[in-house]
Protein backbone atom coordinates (compact mmCIF):
# COMPACT_ATOMS: atom_id res chain seq x y z
CA MET A 1 59.38 -166.31 115.90
CA PHE A 2 57.93 -162.90 116.74
CA GLY A 3 54.60 -164.41 117.84
CA ASN A 4 56.41 -166.77 120.20
CA ASN A 5 58.41 -163.94 121.77
CA PHE A 6 55.26 -161.88 122.14
CA THR A 7 53.54 -164.70 124.06
CA THR A 8 56.57 -165.09 126.33
CA ILE A 9 56.63 -161.35 127.03
CA MET A 10 52.90 -161.36 127.81
CA LYS A 11 53.39 -164.28 130.20
CA LEU A 12 56.22 -162.45 131.95
CA ILE A 13 54.12 -159.28 132.25
CA ASN A 14 51.25 -161.34 133.64
CA LYS A 15 53.53 -162.95 136.24
CA PHE A 16 54.97 -159.57 137.18
CA LEU A 17 51.48 -158.07 137.60
CA LYS A 18 50.37 -160.97 139.80
CA PHE A 19 53.52 -160.63 141.90
CA ASN A 20 53.02 -156.86 142.13
CA TYR A 21 49.42 -157.40 143.24
CA LEU A 22 50.53 -159.83 145.95
CA VAL A 23 53.18 -157.43 147.22
CA ASN A 24 50.72 -154.54 147.34
CA ASN A 25 48.16 -156.74 149.08
CA MET A 26 50.73 -157.68 151.73
CA LYS A 27 51.72 -154.03 152.13
CA ASP A 28 48.07 -153.10 152.74
CA LYS A 29 47.63 -155.88 155.30
CA PHE A 30 50.86 -154.95 157.06
CA HIS A 31 49.94 -151.26 157.03
CA SER A 32 46.52 -151.84 158.60
CA PHE A 33 48.10 -154.17 161.17
CA TYR A 34 50.72 -151.53 161.94
CA LEU A 35 48.04 -148.87 162.42
CA PHE A 36 46.06 -151.20 164.67
CA ALA A 37 49.11 -152.07 166.79
CA ASP A 38 50.16 -148.43 166.97
CA ASN A 39 46.67 -147.39 168.06
CA THR A 40 46.48 -150.14 170.70
CA PHE A 41 49.93 -149.28 172.03
CA HIS A 42 48.99 -145.60 172.36
CA LYS A 43 45.79 -146.47 174.21
CA LEU A 44 47.60 -148.76 176.64
CA PHE A 45 50.42 -146.28 177.13
CA TRP A 46 47.96 -143.42 177.66
CA HIS A 47 45.94 -145.38 180.24
CA THR A 48 49.12 -146.36 182.07
CA CYS A 49 50.23 -142.74 182.26
CA GLN A 50 46.80 -141.53 183.36
CA SER A 51 46.46 -143.87 186.32
């Protein structure tokens, strides 16, 4: 009984960790994309104002 519950809990923890990893991975990708877009926008905006 206890062994079975332990396995179930470990499986749940494993799933949660995988999900957490995916979410963090997506956050990183989104963050770098956001920085890139922000940087590009500033460059374009700056050039438009300069000319």
